[in-house]
Amino acid sequence: IKMIKMNLLPIREERRKERIRLDISVSIMMLLLIVLIGVYLYINISKEIESLQVQLRAKKAEDARLTKKVGELKLLKNKKKELEKKVGIINALNKERLSAIKIMEEVSIQVPEKIWFKTLRKKGNSLVIVGISLDDQTLSTFISRLNHSKKFKGVWLRQSKQVVLNQVKLKEFSLNCKVKAE
């Protein structure tokens, strides 16, 4: 039996050495595998970071471009508002001009032959007429015609006084009236 034991001892020793070599080999392989996995992950993460940085630069460039466009858009909106305001003013002026033309046309239709105007002044919807009439009857006819006109209402005589021009007695007058809204 002793011989068998002796023979087994070197085998056990061989097996133990073999196991140690195997453990060392497995450990080295595991370490190598871990290093390879680490290198792989590092490369992939580096590529991902680089890709994200490229995307970030592209997004920043796009953001700068869009910010510029927004600035241009705001400028255009301000110009549009300014132009709309100017167009509104022009339309209001055209309306006033047409209104003044229609008022003058209506006054010229209603005026009798023996009345001359010194001034016609329109402010808002009020019209002030200053002029000279041959007599009270002519002035009365003019006031009556304005009252019956489609364009005027509330005609009232502010002042009437006798004046002498070139040795002729005339009536200087001032009257107010309201212009009817169209």
Protein backbone atom coordinates (compact mmCIF):
# COMPACT_ATOMS: atom_id res chain seq x y z
CA ILE A 1 0.00 0.00 0.00
CA LYS A 2 2.83 2.26 0.66
CA MET A 3 3.94 2.15 -2.84
CA ILE A 4 0.65 3.13 -4.11
CA LYS A 5 0.57 6.10 -1.85
CA MET A 6 3.88 7.18 -3.02
CA ASN A 7 2.93 6.86 -6.55
CA LEU A 8 -0.18 8.92 -5.92
CA LEU A 9 1.67 11.71 -4.23
CA PRO A 10 3.43 12.94 -7.29
CA ILE A 11 0.17 12.66 -9.19
CA ARG A 12 -1.58 14.74 -6.58
CA GLU A 13 1.23 17.20 -6.74
CA GLU A 14 0.95 17.22 -10.51
CA ARG A 15 -2.80 17.72 -10.31
CA ARG A 16 -2.38 20.54 -7.84
CA LYS A 17 0.19 22.21 -10.09
CA GLU A 18 -2.09 21.65 -13.04
CA ARG A 19 -5.00 23.21 -11.15
CA ILE A 20 -2.82 26.19 -10.18
CA ARG A 21 -1.74 26.60 -13.80
CA LEU A 22 -5.35 26.33 -14.88
CA ASP A 23 -6.43 28.86 -12.25
CA ILE A 24 -3.65 31.22 -13.32
CA SER A 25 -4.59 30.73 -16.98
CA VAL A 26 -8.26 31.34 -16.23
CA SER A 27 -7.36 34.39 -14.14
CA ILE A 28 -5.14 35.76 -16.90
CA MET A 29 -7.86 35.06 -19.47
CA MET A 30 -10.45 36.74 -17.25
CA LEU A 31 -8.14 39.71 -16.73
CA LEU A 32 -7.46 39.87 -20.45
CA LEU A 33 -11.19 39.61 -21.15
CA ILE A 34 -11.92 42.41 -18.65
CA VAL A 35 -9.23 44.60 -20.24
CA LEU A 36 -10.61 43.90 -23.71
CA ILE A 37 -14.14 44.70 -22.55
CA GLY A 38 -12.83 47.90 -20.91
CA VAL A 39 -11.01 48.93 -24.11
CA TYR A 40 -14.12 48.14 -26.17
CA LEU A 41 -16.35 50.19 -23.84
CA TYR A 42 -13.83 53.05 -23.79
CA ILE A 43 -13.69 53.16 -27.60
CA ASN A 44 -17.48 52.98 -27.92
CA ILE A 45 -18.05 55.65 -25.26
CA SER A 46 -15.38 57.85 -26.88
CA LYS A 47 -17.11 57.48 -30.25
CA GLU A 48 -20.48 58.23 -28.63
CA ILE A 49 -19.04 61.33 -26.91
CA GLU A 50 -17.53 62.51 -30.18
CA SER A 51 -20.82 61.90 -31.99
CA LEU A 52 -22.72 63.81 -29.30
CA GLN A 53 -20.21 66.68 -29.48
CA VAL A 54 -20.69 66.87 -33.25
CA GLN A 55 -24.46 66.89 -32.74
CA LEU A 56 -24.09 69.56 -30.05
CA ARG A 57 -22.04 71.77 -32.37
CA ALA A 58 -24.60 71.27 -35.12
CA LYS A 59 -27.45 72.14 -32.71
CA LYS A 60 -25.58 75.24 -31.52
CA ALA A 61 -25.02 76.33 -35.12
CA GLU A 62 -28.70 75.74 -35.88
CA ASP A 63 -29.68 77.60 -32.70
CA ALA A 64 -27.53 80.57 -33.75
CA ARG A 65 -29.08 80.50 -37.23
CA LEU A 66 -32.61 80.30 -35.82
CA THR A 67 -31.87 83.05 -33.29
CA LYS A 68 -30.77 85.25 -36.19
CA LYS A 69 -33.96 84.34 -38.07
CA VAL A 70 -36.06 85.18 -34.98
CA GLY A 71 -34.34 88.57 -34.81
CA GLU A 72 -35.05 89.16 -38.48
CA LEU A 73 -38.65 88.05 -37.95
CA LYS A 74 -39.09 90.48 -35.05
CA LEU A 75 -37.63 93.25 -37.19
CA LEU A 76 -40.01 92.38 -40.01
CA LYS A 77 -42.96 92.30 -37.61
CA ASN A 78 -42.01 95.75 -36.32
CA LYS A 79 -41.70 97.03 -39.89
CA LYS A 80 -45.07 95.47 -40.71
CA LYS A 81 -46.70 97.19 -37.73
CA GLU A 82 -45.08 100.46 -38.74
CA LEU A 83 -46.30 100.06 -42.32
CA GLU A 84 -49.81 99.11 -41.16
CA LYS A 85 -49.85 102.22 -39.00
CA LYS A 86 -48.75 104.35 -41.97
CA VAL A 87 -51.37 102.72 -44.19
CA GLY A 88 -53.99 103.47 -41.52
CA ILE A 89 -52.90 107.10 -41.42
CA ILE A 90 -52.97 107.30 -45.22
CA ASN A 91 -56.44 105.74 -45.30
CA ALA A 92 -57.65 108.18 -42.63
CA LEU A 93 -56.17 111.11 -44.56
CA ASN A 94 -57.79 109.89 -47.78
CA LYS A 95 -61.11 109.54 -45.98
CA GLU A 96 -60.71 113.06 -44.53
CA ARG A 97 -59.76 114.41 -47.96
CA LEU A 98 -62.77 112.78 -49.57
CA SER A 99 -64.92 114.00 -46.72
CA ALA A 100 -63.64 117.55 -47.21
CA ILE A 101 -64.34 117.32 -50.94
CA LYS A 102 -67.88 116.09 -50.29
CA ILE A 103 -68.45 118.85 -47.72
CA MET A 104 -67.21 121.51 -50.15
CA GLU A 105 -69.39 120.04 -52.87
CA GLU A 106 -72.48 120.08 -50.61
CA VAL A 107 -71.79 123.64 -49.38
CA SER A 108 -71.35 124.84 -52.97
CA ILE A 109 -74.69 123.25 -53.90
CA GLN A 110 -76.50 124.87 -50.95
CA VAL A 111 -74.98 128.37 -51.19
CA PRO A 112 -77.17 131.09 -52.75
CA GLU A 113 -75.70 133.44 -55.35
CA LYS A 114 -75.19 136.45 -53.14
CA ILE A 115 -73.03 134.83 -50.44
CA TRP A 116 -69.22 134.80 -50.46
CA PHE A 117 -67.03 132.80 -48.10
CA LYS A 118 -64.02 134.11 -46.28
CA THR A 119 -63.15 130.84 -44.51
CA LEU A 120 -64.44 127.32 -44.14
CA ARG A 121 -62.83 125.42 -41.27
CA LYS A 122 -63.56 121.79 -40.40
CA LYS A 123 -62.43 120.34 -37.10
CA GLY A 124 -63.64 116.88 -36.24
CA ASN A 125 -67.29 116.81 -37.17
CA SER A 126 -67.75 120.60 -36.74
CA LEU A 127 -67.74 123.07 -39.62
CA VAL A 128 -67.30 126.83 -39.14
CA ILE A 129 -68.23 129.07 -42.07
CA VAL A 130 -67.29 132.75 -42.09
CA GLY A 131 -68.50 134.85 -44.98
CA ILE A 132 -70.39 137.84 -46.33
CA SER A 133 -74.00 137.97 -47.44
CA LEU A 134 -75.83 140.63 -49.42
CA ASP A 135 -78.67 140.72 -46.87
CA ASP A 136 -80.39 138.87 -44.02
CA GLN A 137 -82.80 137.09 -46.37
CA THR A 138 -79.97 135.51 -48.39
CA LEU A 139 -78.24 134.43 -45.17
CA SER A 140 -81.50 132.95 -43.85
CA THR A 141 -81.97 131.01 -47.11
CA PHE A 142 -78.45 129.62 -46.83
CA ILE A 143 -78.96 128.51 -43.20
CA SER A 144 -82.28 126.88 -44.13
CA ARG A 145 -80.71 125.00 -47.07
CA LEU A 146 -77.87 123.72 -44.83
CA ASN A 147 -80.41 122.53 -42.23
CA HIS A 148 -82.29 120.55 -44.90
CA SER A 149 -79.09 119.14 -46.39
CA LYS A 150 -78.23 115.45 -46.01
CA LYS A 151 -74.69 116.32 -44.91
CA PHE A 152 -75.27 118.90 -42.15
CA LYS A 153 -77.25 119.22 -38.93
CA GLY A 154 -77.52 121.67 -36.06
CA VAL A 155 -76.77 124.79 -38.10
CA TRP A 156 -76.71 127.91 -35.92
CA LEU A 157 -75.67 131.46 -36.52
CA ARG A 158 -72.91 132.55 -34.16
CA GLN A 159 -72.62 136.10 -35.30
CA SER A 160 -74.04 138.44 -37.88
CA LYS A 161 -73.05 142.08 -38.21
CA GLN A 162 -73.41 144.80 -40.80
CA VAL A 163 -70.27 145.91 -42.62
CA VAL A 164 -69.67 148.42 -45.38
CA LEU A 165 -67.47 147.42 -48.31
CA ASN A 166 -67.01 149.83 -51.22
CA GLN A 167 -69.91 151.88 -49.89
CA VAL A 168 -72.27 148.86 -49.98
CA LYS A 169 -73.94 147.61 -46.80
CA LEU A 170 -73.39 143.85 -46.41
CA LYS A 171 -73.81 141.24 -43.63
CA GLU A 172 -70.70 139.55 -42.28
CA PHE A 173 -71.60 136.27 -40.63
CA SER A 174 -70.14 133.30 -38.80
CA LEU A 175 -72.08 130.08 -38.45
CA ASN A 176 -71.44 126.60 -37.06
CA CYS A 177 -72.89 123.26 -38.02
CA LYS A 178 -72.23 119.57 -37.46
CA VAL A 179 -71.26 117.30 -40.31
CA LYS A 180 -73.37 114.13 -40.34
CA ALA A 181 -71.45 110.87 -40.20
CA GLU A 182 -71.53 108.85 -43.40
